[in-house]
Amino acid sequence: MDRGVQVKFKQGSKARANWRVRDGIAGLVLARYSCSAGASEKPERLDVHFGTDGIVWGERASEFEIIPPERPHS
């Protein structure tokens, strides 16, 4: 998930409740990174801006799903 992609928390995500983000709200990925400590890899993390619901800092990328961009009507 790259910077600028719209995402939302996956259905049933416990992380969504912990961050107090309303269900189904779209957020914009601000940053994507992974942390490592020694030889062990840590999961990829995202910082996501959810408008008035705030910013989620360093949550696992696996907690989110991409919202496909809308196609223009012809």
N, C-alpha and C. Protein backbone atom coordinates (compact mmCIF):
# COMPACT_ATOMS: atom_id res chain seq x y z
N MET A 1 0.84 -1.17 0.00
CA MET A 1 0.00 0.00 0.00
C MET A 1 0.89 1.24 0.00
N ASP A 2 0.82 1.97 -1.07
CA ASP A 2 1.67 3.12 -1.22
C ASP A 2 1.04 4.39 -0.65
N ARG A 3 1.88 5.37 -0.45
CA ARG A 3 1.44 6.67 0.03
C ARG A 3 0.39 7.23 -0.94
N GLY A 4 -0.68 7.81 -0.40
CA GLY A 4 -1.73 8.40 -1.21
C GLY A 4 -2.88 7.47 -1.54
N VAL A 5 -2.75 6.19 -1.23
CA VAL A 5 -3.81 5.21 -1.50
C VAL A 5 -4.90 5.35 -0.43
N GLN A 6 -6.16 5.21 -0.86
CA GLN A 6 -7.26 5.22 0.11
C GLN A 6 -7.46 3.82 0.65
N VAL A 7 -7.62 3.72 1.97
CA VAL A 7 -7.82 2.45 2.64
C VAL A 7 -8.92 2.58 3.69
N LYS A 8 -9.37 1.44 4.17
CA LYS A 8 -10.26 1.41 5.33
C LYS A 8 -9.86 0.19 6.15
N PHE A 9 -10.27 0.19 7.42
CA PHE A 9 -10.00 -0.97 8.25
C PHE A 9 -10.80 -2.15 7.72
N LYS A 10 -10.23 -3.34 7.81
CA LYS A 10 -10.94 -4.55 7.41
C LYS A 10 -12.13 -4.76 8.33
N GLN A 11 -13.14 -5.42 7.80
CA GLN A 11 -14.34 -5.76 8.57
C GLN A 11 -13.94 -6.56 9.81
N GLY A 12 -14.43 -6.16 10.96
CA GLY A 12 -14.15 -6.88 12.20
C GLY A 12 -12.80 -6.59 12.83
N SER A 13 -12.09 -5.59 12.32
CA SER A 13 -10.77 -5.27 12.85
C SER A 13 -10.86 -4.75 14.28
N LYS A 14 -10.14 -5.40 15.18
CA LYS A 14 -10.10 -4.93 16.57
C LYS A 14 -9.29 -3.64 16.67
N ALA A 15 -8.34 -3.45 15.76
CA ALA A 15 -7.53 -2.23 15.75
C ALA A 15 -8.40 -1.00 15.49
N ARG A 16 -9.43 -1.14 14.64
CA ARG A 16 -10.32 -0.01 14.35
C ARG A 16 -10.97 0.50 15.63
N ALA A 17 -11.44 -0.40 16.44
CA ALA A 17 -12.08 -0.02 17.71
C ALA A 17 -11.06 0.61 18.65
N ASN A 18 -9.86 0.06 18.70
CA ASN A 18 -8.81 0.62 19.56
C ASN A 18 -8.47 2.05 19.19
N TRP A 19 -8.49 2.36 17.89
CA TRP A 19 -8.17 3.71 17.41
C TRP A 19 -9.41 4.61 17.39
N ARG A 20 -10.57 4.05 17.67
CA ARG A 20 -11.83 4.81 17.69
C ARG A 20 -12.14 5.47 16.35
N VAL A 21 -11.93 4.71 15.29
CA VAL A 21 -12.28 5.16 13.94
C VAL A 21 -13.63 4.55 13.59
N ARG A 22 -14.54 5.37 13.06
CA ARG A 22 -15.87 4.87 12.70
C ARG A 22 -15.76 3.80 11.62
N ASP A 23 -16.67 2.84 11.66
CA ASP A 23 -16.68 1.73 10.71
C ASP A 23 -16.92 2.24 9.29
N GLY A 24 -16.13 1.74 8.34
CA GLY A 24 -16.32 2.06 6.93
C GLY A 24 -15.73 3.38 6.47
N ILE A 25 -15.10 4.14 7.37
CA ILE A 25 -14.52 5.43 7.01
C ILE A 25 -13.25 5.22 6.19
N ALA A 26 -13.12 6.00 5.11
CA ALA A 26 -11.93 5.92 4.26
C ALA A 26 -10.83 6.80 4.83
N GLY A 27 -9.61 6.31 4.73
CA GLY A 27 -8.44 7.05 5.15
C GLY A 27 -7.42 7.12 4.03
N LEU A 28 -6.49 8.05 4.15
CA LEU A 28 -5.44 8.24 3.15
C LEU A 28 -4.10 7.85 3.76
N VAL A 29 -3.38 6.95 3.09
CA VAL A 29 -2.08 6.50 3.58
C VAL A 29 -1.08 7.65 3.49
N LEU A 30 -0.51 8.01 4.65
CA LEU A 30 0.51 9.05 4.72
C LEU A 30 1.91 8.48 4.56
N ALA A 31 2.12 7.30 5.13
CA ALA A 31 3.45 6.68 5.09
C ALA A 31 3.32 5.17 5.25
N ARG A 32 4.28 4.47 4.65
CA ARG A 32 4.37 3.01 4.78
C ARG A 32 5.81 2.69 5.15
N TYR A 33 5.98 1.82 6.14
CA TYR A 33 7.34 1.47 6.57
C TYR A 33 7.32 0.16 7.31
N SER A 34 8.49 -0.42 7.49
CA SER A 34 8.62 -1.60 8.34
C SER A 34 9.79 -1.37 9.27
N CYS A 35 9.66 -1.92 10.42
CA CYS A 35 10.69 -1.78 11.45
C CYS A 35 11.35 -3.14 11.63
N SER A 36 12.61 -3.13 11.91
CA SER A 36 13.28 -4.39 12.19
C SER A 36 14.13 -4.22 13.44
N ALA A 37 14.17 -5.27 14.21
CA ALA A 37 14.98 -5.28 15.42
C ALA A 37 15.90 -6.49 15.33
N GLY A 38 17.13 -6.24 15.03
CA GLY A 38 18.06 -7.35 14.88
C GLY A 38 17.72 -8.18 13.66
N ALA A 39 17.67 -9.48 13.82
CA ALA A 39 17.40 -10.38 12.70
C ALA A 39 15.92 -10.60 12.45
N SER A 40 15.08 -10.21 13.41
CA SER A 40 13.64 -10.49 13.24
C SER A 40 12.93 -9.32 12.54
N GLU A 41 12.20 -9.66 11.49
CA GLU A 41 11.43 -8.67 10.74
C GLU A 41 10.12 -8.38 11.45
N LYS A 42 9.74 -7.14 11.50
CA LYS A 42 8.45 -6.74 12.05
C LYS A 42 7.50 -6.51 10.88
N PRO A 43 6.19 -6.60 11.12
CA PRO A 43 5.24 -6.41 10.01
C PRO A 43 5.26 -4.97 9.48
N GLU A 44 4.87 -4.85 8.22
CA GLU A 44 4.77 -3.54 7.59
C GLU A 44 3.75 -2.68 8.35
N ARG A 45 4.04 -1.40 8.49
CA ARG A 45 3.20 -0.48 9.23
C ARG A 45 2.74 0.67 8.35
N LEU A 46 1.59 1.25 8.69
CA LEU A 46 1.06 2.40 7.97
C LEU A 46 0.69 3.51 8.94
N ASP A 47 0.85 4.76 8.47
CA ASP A 47 0.27 5.93 9.10
C ASP A 47 -0.87 6.35 8.17
N VAL A 48 -2.09 6.47 8.71
CA VAL A 48 -3.26 6.74 7.88
C VAL A 48 -4.06 7.89 8.47
N HIS A 49 -4.41 8.85 7.62
CA HIS A 49 -5.22 10.01 8.03
C HIS A 49 -6.69 9.72 7.75
N PHE A 50 -7.52 9.78 8.80
CA PHE A 50 -8.94 9.50 8.69
C PHE A 50 -9.78 10.77 8.88
N GLY A 51 -9.31 11.90 8.42
CA GLY A 51 -10.07 13.15 8.52
C GLY A 51 -10.36 13.50 9.96
N THR A 52 -11.64 13.75 10.26
CA THR A 52 -12.02 14.16 11.61
C THR A 52 -11.86 13.05 12.64
N ASP A 53 -11.70 11.80 12.20
CA ASP A 53 -11.47 10.70 13.13
C ASP A 53 -10.01 10.62 13.56
N GLY A 54 -9.14 11.43 12.97
CA GLY A 54 -7.75 11.50 13.40
C GLY A 54 -6.78 10.73 12.53
N ILE A 55 -5.58 10.59 13.04
CA ILE A 55 -4.51 9.88 12.34
C ILE A 55 -4.15 8.63 13.12
N VAL A 56 -4.07 7.52 12.41
CA VAL A 56 -3.64 6.25 12.98
C VAL A 56 -2.14 6.13 12.69
N TRP A 57 -1.35 6.00 13.73
CA TRP A 57 0.11 5.95 13.60
C TRP A 57 0.62 4.54 13.80
N GLY A 58 1.36 4.02 12.81
CA GLY A 58 2.09 2.77 12.98
C GLY A 58 1.26 1.52 13.14
N GLU A 59 0.08 1.47 12.56
CA GLU A 59 -0.76 0.26 12.65
C GLU A 59 -0.32 -0.72 11.57
N ARG A 60 -0.50 -2.01 11.85
CA ARG A 60 -0.12 -3.06 10.89
C ARG A 60 -0.89 -2.88 9.58
N ALA A 61 -0.19 -2.99 8.48
CA ALA A 61 -0.81 -2.88 7.16
C ALA A 61 -1.87 -3.96 6.95
N SER A 62 -1.70 -5.10 7.60
CA SER A 62 -2.64 -6.20 7.44
C SER A 62 -4.02 -5.89 8.02
N GLU A 63 -4.15 -4.81 8.78
CA GLU A 63 -5.44 -4.41 9.35
C GLU A 63 -6.30 -3.61 8.36
N PHE A 64 -5.71 -3.25 7.20
CA PHE A 64 -6.38 -2.39 6.24
C PHE A 64 -6.64 -3.10 4.92
N GLU A 65 -7.62 -2.58 4.18
CA GLU A 65 -7.85 -3.01 2.81
C GLU A 65 -7.92 -1.78 1.93
N ILE A 66 -7.46 -1.93 0.70
CA ILE A 66 -7.46 -0.82 -0.26
C ILE A 66 -8.87 -0.57 -0.77
N ILE A 67 -9.23 0.69 -0.89
CA ILE A 67 -10.49 1.07 -1.51
C ILE A 67 -10.19 1.34 -2.98
N PRO A 68 -10.77 0.55 -3.88
CA PRO A 68 -10.48 0.75 -5.29
C PRO A 68 -10.94 2.13 -5.76
N PRO A 69 -10.15 2.78 -6.62
CA PRO A 69 -10.57 4.09 -7.12
C PRO A 69 -11.83 3.96 -7.98
N GLU A 70 -12.68 4.98 -7.91
CA GLU A 70 -13.90 4.97 -8.72
C GLU A 70 -13.54 5.23 -10.17
N ARG A 71 -14.21 4.54 -11.04
CA ARG A 71 -13.98 4.75 -12.49
C ARG A 71 -14.94 5.84 -12.96
N PRO A 72 -14.44 6.74 -13.80
CA PRO A 72 -15.34 7.78 -14.32
C PRO A 72 -16.41 7.17 -15.22
N HIS A 73 -17.60 7.75 -15.13
CA HIS A 73 -18.71 7.29 -15.97
C HIS A 73 -18.55 7.85 -17.38
N SER A 74 -18.84 7.05 -18.38
CA SER A 74 -18.71 7.56 -19.75
C SER A 74 -20.04 7.86 -20.38
